[in-house]
């Protein structure tokens, strides 16, 4: 019940405080890019039996190593795809929902930033470590934080504020999840995230994203939206894979994994289990 309330609490606030038009715009803007949230879930589902085995054996170091490996792999796909969605937000919204939903573009961009936090199944890790009470507590805390932030932010900034409040609440909850996981693993907070790797992936993605934004709006503005979107996305992904591979950011092992994920192999394997 709490999870369902958490999912729709921001929409409820918009429905009560703003107009029907604003609610329609927010419903369009408050969308997560399909497929991307499933990647972290898929990795967590595949790894959870390994987490349990290592935890039973008392190998918390092995649990952390596998956890970090999963986040590194997820970030290689989710981070660049999220940046690309931010760059092409206007085209995505217009093509999927119609150009009349221009007001939904900024909330869509803000909401999409949540994907930058979806690098792992945080609850699954706590479940593995036997801390189910904290999962419920943080779910309720997330709902409370959403409601506490949604109302004033919506009042001050409209649907843009609602989206921002949802993002801030997510940042808080992920921080609390990571702090609790670090406590159980007996390490510092920064040791449960591959910070250097994540920042390298984010830096490369943002740099290429800036180039893609310039390409889309300065070089390709006259092309039909579907063509401009396809060209921009194709060149961005090609550049990301090429630079990532040449720079060593994407290793040989990760390259094979990335290719498998791009063909949805991970999700298909998990689905058939």
Protein backbone atom coordinates (compact mmCIF):
# COMPACT_ATOMS: atom_id res chain seq x y z
CA UNK A 1 0.00 0.00 0.00
CA UNK A 2 2.79 2.41 0.94
CA UNK A 3 4.57 1.67 -2.35
CA UNK A 4 1.43 2.48 -4.35
CA UNK A 5 0.87 5.71 -2.42
CA UNK A 6 4.51 6.66 -2.93
CA UNK A 7 4.21 6.09 -6.68
CA UNK A 8 1.16 8.33 -7.11
CA UNK A 9 1.52 10.85 -4.27
CA UNK A 10 3.05 13.53 -6.50
CA UNK A 11 0.23 13.19 -9.03
CA UNK A 12 -2.30 13.47 -6.23
CA UNK A 13 -0.71 16.71 -5.05
CA UNK A 14 -0.81 18.15 -8.58
CA UNK A 15 -4.45 17.07 -9.00
CA UNK A 16 -5.46 18.81 -5.77
CA UNK A 17 -3.37 21.97 -6.09
CA UNK A 18 -3.27 22.70 -9.82
CA UNK A 19 -5.48 22.60 -12.90
CA UNK A 20 -6.52 19.63 -15.03
CA UNK A 21 -4.22 20.91 -17.79
CA UNK A 22 -1.28 20.97 -15.39
CA UNK A 23 -2.13 17.43 -14.27
CA UNK A 24 -2.14 16.24 -17.89
CA UNK A 25 1.24 17.91 -18.50
CA UNK A 26 2.66 16.39 -15.32
CA UNK A 27 1.35 12.93 -16.17
CA UNK A 28 3.28 13.14 -19.45
CA UNK A 29 6.40 14.62 -17.84
CA UNK A 30 6.56 12.24 -14.88
CA UNK A 31 7.65 9.29 -16.99
CA UNK A 32 10.75 7.17 -16.62
CA UNK A 33 12.38 6.11 -19.86
CA UNK A 34 11.18 2.54 -20.57
CA UNK A 35 13.65 -0.33 -20.11
CA UNK A 36 16.27 1.64 -18.14
CA UNK A 37 14.81 1.07 -14.62
CA UNK A 38 14.62 -2.65 -15.42
CA UNK A 39 18.38 -2.97 -15.83
CA UNK A 40 19.22 -2.41 -12.17
CA UNK A 41 16.32 -4.66 -11.18
CA UNK A 42 17.56 -7.38 -13.54
CA UNK A 43 21.12 -7.23 -12.22
CA UNK A 44 19.87 -7.33 -8.62
CA UNK A 45 17.65 -10.33 -9.37
CA UNK A 46 20.53 -12.21 -11.03
CA UNK A 47 23.01 -11.40 -8.26
CA UNK A 48 20.75 -11.89 -5.24
CA UNK A 49 21.41 -15.63 -4.90
CA UNK A 50 25.15 -14.90 -4.99
CA UNK A 51 24.72 -12.20 -2.36
CA UNK A 52 22.91 -14.67 -0.12
CA UNK A 53 25.54 -17.38 -0.58
CA UNK A 54 28.37 -15.00 0.23
CA UNK A 55 26.51 -13.54 3.20
CA UNK A 56 25.83 -17.00 4.64
CA UNK A 57 29.53 -17.82 4.25
CA UNK A 58 30.35 -14.63 6.16
CA UNK A 59 32.14 -13.14 3.16
CA UNK A 60 30.92 -9.54 3.40
CA UNK A 61 33.90 -8.38 1.40
CA UNK A 62 32.76 -10.64 -1.44
CA UNK A 63 29.23 -9.23 -1.15
CA UNK A 64 30.58 -5.69 -1.50
CA UNK A 65 32.81 -6.65 -4.44
CA UNK A 66 29.88 -8.18 -6.32
CA UNK A 67 27.66 -5.21 -5.41
CA UNK A 68 30.20 -2.74 -6.80
CA UNK A 69 30.64 -4.83 -9.94
CA UNK A 70 26.90 -4.67 -10.55
CA UNK A 71 26.77 -0.89 -10.15
CA UNK A 72 29.71 -0.43 -12.53
CA UNK A 73 27.98 -2.51 -15.17
CA UNK A 74 24.60 -0.81 -14.77
CA UNK A 75 26.13 2.65 -14.93
CA UNK A 76 27.72 1.90 -18.31
CA UNK A 77 24.24 1.60 -19.82
CA UNK A 78 21.94 3.71 -17.66
CA UNK A 79 24.06 6.86 -17.32
CA UNK A 80 24.68 7.55 -21.04
CA UNK A 81 21.11 6.56 -21.94
CA UNK A 82 19.78 8.95 -19.28
CA UNK A 83 21.95 11.81 -20.53
CA UNK A 84 20.77 11.11 -24.08
CA UNK A 85 17.14 11.23 -22.89
CA UNK A 86 17.83 14.62 -21.27
CA UNK A 87 19.32 15.94 -24.51
CA UNK A 88 16.45 14.68 -26.67
CA UNK A 89 13.64 15.37 -24.18
CA UNK A 90 11.78 17.78 -26.48
CA UNK A 91 11.78 15.30 -29.35
CA UNK A 92 10.82 12.36 -27.13
CA UNK A 93 7.85 14.17 -25.56
CA UNK A 94 6.65 15.56 -28.90
CA UNK A 95 6.89 12.23 -30.72
CA UNK A 96 5.35 10.10 -27.97
CA UNK A 97 2.66 12.47 -26.68
CA UNK A 98 2.38 15.43 -29.06
CA UNK A 99 3.92 18.88 -29.44
CA UNK A 100 1.07 20.38 -27.35
CA UNK A 101 2.75 18.97 -24.23
CA UNK A 102 5.69 21.38 -24.41
CA UNK A 103 5.16 22.28 -20.73
CA UNK A 104 5.94 18.66 -19.84
CA UNK A 105 9.49 18.80 -21.21
CA UNK A 106 11.16 20.33 -18.13
CA UNK A 107 9.37 18.02 -15.65
CA UNK A 108 10.36 15.13 -17.92
CA UNK A 109 14.01 16.20 -17.75
CA UNK A 110 13.91 16.59 -13.97
CA UNK A 111 12.13 13.26 -13.52
CA UNK A 112 14.59 11.54 -15.86
CA UNK A 113 17.45 12.56 -13.54
CA UNK A 114 16.04 10.03 -11.06
CA UNK A 115 17.45 7.33 -13.34
CA UNK A 116 20.95 8.50 -12.45
CA UNK A 117 20.23 7.12 -8.98
CA UNK A 118 18.82 3.78 -10.13
CA UNK A 119 22.12 1.95 -10.20
CA UNK A 120 21.17 -0.98 -7.97
CA UNK A 121 18.37 -2.77 -6.16
CA UNK A 122 18.98 -1.17 -2.79
CA UNK A 123 16.12 -2.98 -1.09
CA UNK A 124 17.33 -6.35 -2.35
CA UNK A 125 20.72 -5.77 -0.72
CA UNK A 126 19.13 -4.93 2.64
CA UNK A 127 16.89 -7.97 2.28
CA UNK A 128 19.98 -10.09 1.66
CA UNK A 129 21.54 -8.67 4.82
CA UNK A 130 18.39 -9.50 6.81
CA UNK A 131 17.30 -5.91 7.36
CA UNK A 132 13.70 -5.98 6.09
CA UNK A 133 12.50 -3.55 8.76
CA UNK A 134 14.62 -0.76 7.30
CA UNK A 135 13.09 -1.35 3.86
CA UNK A 136 9.60 -0.66 5.23
CA UNK A 137 10.86 2.29 7.26
CA UNK A 138 12.57 3.88 4.26
CA UNK A 139 9.51 3.29 2.06
CA UNK A 140 7.36 5.17 4.59
CA UNK A 141 10.05 7.84 4.91
CA UNK A 142 10.14 8.23 1.12
CA UNK A 143 6.36 8.73 1.05
CA UNK A 144 6.57 11.28 3.86
CA UNK A 145 9.46 13.15 2.21
CA UNK A 146 7.59 13.26 -1.09
CA UNK A 147 4.48 14.73 0.49
CA UNK A 148 6.45 17.17 2.65
CA UNK A 149 8.36 18.52 -0.35
CA UNK A 150 5.67 18.21 -3.02
CA UNK A 151 3.24 20.66 -1.45
CA UNK A 152 5.53 23.71 -1.02
CA UNK A 153 7.50 23.04 -4.23
CA UNK A 154 4.30 22.65 -6.25
CA UNK A 155 2.90 25.85 -4.75
CA UNK A 156 6.06 27.80 -5.61
CA UNK A 157 7.03 26.27 -8.99
CA UNK A 158 4.04 24.37 -10.34
CA UNK A 159 4.65 20.99 -11.95
CA UNK A 160 8.36 21.74 -12.29
CA UNK A 161 8.49 21.98 -8.51
CA UNK A 162 6.61 18.70 -8.11
CA UNK A 163 9.16 16.90 -10.27
CA UNK A 164 12.05 18.54 -8.40
CA UNK A 165 10.56 17.54 -5.04
CA UNK A 166 10.28 13.93 -6.21
CA UNK A 167 13.93 13.97 -7.31
CA UNK A 168 15.11 15.45 -3.99
CA UNK A 169 13.12 12.88 -2.02
CA UNK A 170 14.72 10.11 -4.08
CA UNK A 171 18.20 11.49 -3.42
CA UNK A 172 17.50 11.47 0.33
CA UNK A 173 16.18 7.90 0.35
CA UNK A 174 19.05 6.53 -1.76
CA UNK A 175 21.50 8.21 0.62
CA UNK A 176 19.81 6.53 3.59
CA UNK A 177 19.80 3.16 1.82
CA UNK A 178 23.51 3.44 1.07
CA UNK A 179 24.31 4.52 4.61
CA UNK A 180 22.46 1.50 5.99
CA UNK A 181 24.15 -0.88 3.53
CA UNK A 182 27.54 0.56 4.48
CA UNK A 183 26.70 -0.03 8.14
CA UNK A 184 25.89 -3.71 7.54
CA UNK A 185 29.00 -4.26 5.42
CA UNK A 186 31.18 -2.52 8.00
CA UNK A 187 32.63 0.05 5.60
CA UNK A 188 32.48 3.80 5.05
CA UNK A 189 29.63 5.26 3.01
CA UNK A 190 31.89 6.08 0.05
CA UNK A 191 33.07 2.46 -0.05
CA UNK A 192 29.66 1.12 -1.14
CA UNK A 193 29.66 3.12 -4.39
CA UNK A 194 32.26 2.99 -7.18
CA UNK A 195 32.53 6.77 -7.14
CA UNK A 196 35.50 7.22 -9.47
CA UNK A 197 34.06 4.90 -12.11
CA UNK A 198 30.61 6.50 -11.92
CA UNK A 199 32.05 10.00 -12.29
CA UNK A 200 34.12 8.94 -15.31
CA UNK A 201 31.03 7.50 -17.00
CA UNK A 202 28.99 10.57 -16.09
CA UNK A 203 31.71 12.95 -17.28
CA UNK A 204 32.04 11.21 -20.65
CA UNK A 205 28.26 11.07 -21.06
CA UNK A 206 27.76 14.74 -20.20
CA UNK A 207 30.57 15.83 -22.54
CA UNK A 208 29.14 13.84 -25.43
CA UNK A 209 25.65 14.98 -24.42
CA UNK A 210 26.66 18.63 -24.78
CA UNK A 211 28.00 17.87 -28.26
CA UNK A 212 24.80 15.99 -29.13
CA UNK A 213 22.68 18.93 -27.91
CA UNK A 214 24.63 21.29 -30.15
CA UNK A 215 24.32 18.88 -33.08
CA UNK A 216 20.56 18.55 -32.63
CA UNK A 217 19.78 22.26 -32.22
CA UNK A 218 22.47 23.92 -34.35
CA UNK A 219 23.12 21.46 -37.17
CA UNK A 220 19.93 19.40 -37.51
CA UNK A 221 17.06 21.78 -36.59
CA UNK A 222 15.55 21.58 -40.07
CA UNK A 223 15.21 17.80 -40.20
CA UNK A 224 11.99 15.98 -39.26
CA UNK A 225 11.95 15.06 -35.58
CA UNK A 226 12.24 11.28 -36.05
CA UNK A 227 15.22 11.68 -38.38
CA UNK A 228 16.98 14.24 -36.18
CA UNK A 229 16.39 12.07 -33.10
CA UNK A 230 17.71 8.94 -34.80
CA UNK A 231 20.82 10.68 -36.17
CA UNK A 232 21.64 12.41 -32.88
CA UNK A 233 21.08 9.28 -30.80
CA UNK A 234 23.04 7.08 -33.19
CA UNK A 235 26.07 9.37 -33.29
CA UNK A 236 25.98 9.85 -29.50
CA UNK A 237 25.92 6.11 -28.80
CA UNK A 238 28.59 5.39 -31.40
CA UNK A 239 30.87 8.06 -29.92
CA UNK A 240 30.22 6.81 -26.37
CA UNK A 241 31.07 3.22 -27.22
CA UNK A 242 34.15 4.21 -29.22
CA UNK A 243 35.59 6.64 -26.66
CA UNK A 244 34.63 4.39 -23.76
CA UNK A 245 36.37 1.42 -25.31
CA UNK A 246 39.50 3.30 -26.39
CA UNK A 247 39.86 5.04 -23.03
CA UNK A 248 39.56 1.78 -21.13
CA UNK A 249 36.38 2.87 -19.38
CA UNK A 250 34.60 -0.08 -20.99
CA UNK A 251 36.83 -3.13 -20.52
CA UNK A 252 36.78 -6.21 -22.74
CA UNK A 253 34.61 -8.12 -20.23
CA UNK A 254 32.26 -5.17 -19.82
CA UNK A 255 32.08 -4.76 -23.60
CA UNK A 256 30.61 -8.26 -23.96
CA UNK A 257 28.17 -7.55 -21.12
CA UNK A 258 27.13 -4.22 -22.63
CA UNK A 259 26.46 -5.86 -25.99
CA UNK A 260 24.35 -8.49 -24.25
CA UNK A 261 22.33 -5.87 -22.37
CA UNK A 262 21.78 -3.89 -25.56
CA UNK A 263 20.19 -7.06 -26.97
CA UNK A 264 18.16 -7.41 -23.72
CA UNK A 265 19.84 -10.77 -22.97
CA UNK A 266 20.01 -10.09 -19.24
CA UNK A 267 16.30 -9.36 -18.98
CA UNK A 268 15.33 -12.35 -21.13
CA UNK A 269 17.48 -14.69 -19.04
CA UNK A 270 15.98 -13.35 -15.83
CA UNK A 271 12.45 -13.61 -17.26
CA UNK A 272 12.86 -17.30 -18.12
CA UNK A 273 14.19 -18.26 -14.72
